[in-house]
Amino acid sequence: MANDLEWSEKYRLGIGKIDQQHIHLFEIVAQIANLDALTSTKEELKAILVELSRYMNEHFNDEEVYMHRIGFPEYEHHRNLHREIIEFVNTSVTNSPTLAMIRTKLKFIIKKALIDHIVTEDMKYKLYAATLKEEHEDDCTLELT
């Protein structure tokens, strides 16, 4: 898992806390990518996966709070996508017996669950928030604190 799974500025939404969380998710993925298939233990991998799952849940919760606060019309759909991603990640990782298989599945998962989700789904609420900023200039706080 190399450069194709690294953070890129093209993923930036312009929402400080969400962007920082996305960057941290990429950092967690890099930890998995940096594990050596021959010398790393399942315990090392499990610790990183527990952190990935925990942080993904925290991040999705924060995104959902933000979307709800701005009245994002596709909130329920986006929320359901988050549940599907978490279930998909948990199932895929749980059903993989070796570190090599987990790393292979994670490459696909991260592409689907992280990069594609940011580029397609998260960009929708970014664009919606941008229209709100234009409409409400000074009376609308759109940053997640």
Protein backbone atom coordinates (compact mmCIF):
# COMPACT_ATOMS: atom_id res chain seq x y z
CA MET A 1 0.00 0.00 0.00
CA ALA A 2 1.94 2.95 -1.21
CA ASN A 3 1.37 6.46 -2.50
CA ASP A 4 -2.08 5.74 -3.91
CA LEU A 5 -3.38 5.55 -0.35
CA GLU A 6 -1.73 8.68 1.03
CA TRP A 7 -3.43 11.94 1.93
CA SER A 8 -3.70 14.42 -0.90
CA GLU A 9 -4.79 18.05 -0.79
CA LYS A 10 -7.46 17.19 -3.35
CA TYR A 11 -9.31 15.42 -0.50
CA ARG A 12 -9.46 18.60 1.59
CA LEU A 13 -13.01 19.74 2.35
CA GLY A 14 -12.10 23.04 3.97
CA ILE A 15 -13.73 21.98 7.24
CA GLY A 16 -10.84 22.04 9.70
CA LYS A 17 -11.74 19.28 12.13
CA ILE A 18 -13.06 16.94 9.43
CA ASP A 19 -9.93 17.46 7.31
CA GLN A 20 -7.71 16.75 10.32
CA GLN A 21 -9.64 13.56 11.01
CA HIS A 22 -9.31 12.47 7.38
CA ILE A 23 -5.56 13.06 7.58
CA HIS A 24 -5.37 11.00 10.78
CA LEU A 25 -7.31 8.16 9.14
CA PHE A 26 -4.70 8.11 6.38
CA GLU A 27 -1.97 8.04 9.07
CA ILE A 28 -3.58 5.00 10.69
CA VAL A 29 -3.75 3.29 7.30
CA ALA A 30 -0.05 4.06 6.79
CA GLN A 31 0.71 2.23 10.04
CA ILE A 32 -0.91 -0.87 8.58
CA ALA A 33 0.91 -0.42 5.28
CA ASN A 34 4.20 -0.18 7.16
CA LEU A 35 3.75 -3.50 8.95
CA ASP A 36 6.10 -6.14 7.67
CA ALA A 37 4.16 -9.23 6.58
CA LEU A 38 6.95 -11.51 7.79
CA THR A 39 7.87 -9.98 11.14
CA SER A 40 4.76 -8.17 12.36
CA THR A 41 2.49 -9.90 14.80
CA LYS A 42 -1.26 -10.24 14.72
CA GLU A 43 -1.32 -8.33 18.01
CA GLU A 44 0.36 -5.33 16.34
CA LEU A 45 -2.15 -5.44 13.52
CA LYS A 46 -5.07 -5.91 15.90
CA ALA A 47 -4.03 -2.84 17.92
CA ILE A 48 -3.96 -0.70 14.78
CA LEU A 49 -7.28 -2.09 13.56
CA VAL A 50 -8.89 -1.36 16.93
CA GLU A 51 -7.62 2.23 16.64
CA LEU A 52 -8.88 2.45 13.04
CA SER A 53 -12.33 1.23 14.04
CA ARG A 54 -12.50 3.51 17.08
CA TYR A 55 -11.36 6.55 15.17
CA MET A 56 -13.58 5.81 12.20
CA ASN A 57 -16.59 5.72 14.55
CA GLU A 58 -15.54 9.00 16.18
CA HIS A 59 -14.99 10.63 12.79
CA PHE A 60 -18.31 9.44 11.37
CA ASN A 61 -20.09 10.72 14.47
CA ASP A 62 -18.48 14.14 14.06
CA GLU A 63 -19.39 14.24 10.37
CA GLU A 64 -22.97 13.34 11.22
CA VAL A 65 -23.17 16.08 13.85
CA TYR A 66 -21.88 18.56 11.29
CA MET A 67 -24.27 17.42 8.54
CA HIS A 68 -27.22 17.53 10.93
CA ARG A 69 -26.26 21.00 12.14
CA ILE A 70 -26.16 22.43 8.61
CA GLY A 71 -29.39 20.65 7.64
CA PHE A 72 -27.74 18.56 4.93
CA PRO A 73 -30.66 17.07 2.96
CA GLU A 74 -28.86 13.75 2.32
CA TYR A 75 -28.02 13.27 6.02
CA GLU A 76 -29.83 9.92 6.46
CA HIS A 77 -28.35 8.47 3.29
CA HIS A 78 -24.84 9.55 4.32
CA ARG A 79 -25.35 8.20 7.82
CA ASN A 80 -26.39 4.83 6.36
CA LEU A 81 -23.26 4.80 4.19
CA HIS A 82 -21.20 5.23 7.36
CA ARG A 83 -22.88 2.20 8.94
CA GLU A 84 -22.26 0.14 5.80
CA ILE A 85 -18.58 1.11 5.74
CA ILE A 86 -18.07 0.16 9.38
CA GLU A 87 -19.81 -3.17 8.88
CA PHE A 88 -17.84 -3.84 5.68
CA VAL A 89 -14.50 -3.04 7.34
CA ASN A 90 -15.26 -5.13 10.42
CA THR A 91 -16.48 -8.12 8.39
CA SER A 92 -13.64 -8.02 5.88
CA VAL A 93 -10.93 -7.80 8.49
CA THR A 94 -12.49 -10.39 10.81
CA ASN A 95 -12.77 -12.94 8.00
CA SER A 96 -9.13 -12.62 6.89
CA PRO A 97 -6.81 -15.14 8.56
CA THR A 98 -3.39 -13.72 7.61
CA LEU A 99 -1.68 -10.37 7.74
CA ALA A 100 -1.05 -10.49 3.99
CA MET A 101 -4.74 -11.10 3.27
CA ILE A 102 -5.78 -8.34 5.65
CA ARG A 103 -3.38 -5.89 3.99
CA THR A 104 -4.74 -6.83 0.56
CA LYS A 105 -8.32 -6.37 1.69
CA LEU A 106 -7.45 -3.15 3.48
CA LYS A 107 -6.11 -1.62 0.28
CA PHE A 108 -9.49 -2.19 -1.32
CA ILE A 109 -11.37 -1.12 1.81
CA ILE A 110 -9.40 2.09 2.21
CA LYS A 111 -9.87 2.97 -1.43
CA LYS A 112 -13.61 2.35 -1.18
CA ALA A 113 -14.29 3.48 2.37
CA LEU A 114 -11.90 6.38 2.69
CA ILE A 115 -10.84 7.86 -0.63
CA ASP A 116 -13.98 7.21 -2.70
CA HIS A 117 -16.19 8.22 0.24
CA ILE A 118 -14.36 11.54 0.69
CA VAL A 119 -14.22 12.32 -3.03
CA THR A 120 -17.86 11.51 -3.77
CA GLU A 121 -19.98 11.56 -0.62
CA ASP A 122 -18.19 14.04 1.66
CA MET A 123 -17.82 16.51 -1.20
CA LYS A 124 -21.63 16.66 -1.36
CA TYR A 125 -21.95 18.18 2.12
CA LYS A 126 -18.96 20.42 1.41
CA LEU A 127 -20.78 21.85 -1.60
CA TYR A 128 -24.01 22.16 0.38
CA ALA A 129 -22.19 24.03 3.16
CA ALA A 130 -20.62 26.32 0.55
CA THR A 131 -24.05 27.31 -0.72
CA LEU A 132 -25.12 28.06 2.85
CA LYS A 133 -22.09 30.28 3.35
CA GLU A 134 -22.99 32.22 0.22
CA GLU A 135 -26.60 32.62 1.33
CA HIS A 136 -25.96 33.51 4.97
CA GLU A 137 -22.55 35.23 4.95
CA ASP A 138 -22.15 36.34 8.59
CA ASP A 139 -24.92 34.56 10.47
CA CYS A 140 -23.94 30.96 9.79
CA THR A 141 -21.13 29.15 11.58
CA LEU A 142 -20.19 26.18 9.44
CA GLU A 143 -17.06 25.00 11.17
CA LEU A 144 -17.16 21.89 13.34
CA THR A 145 -15.73 22.69 16.76
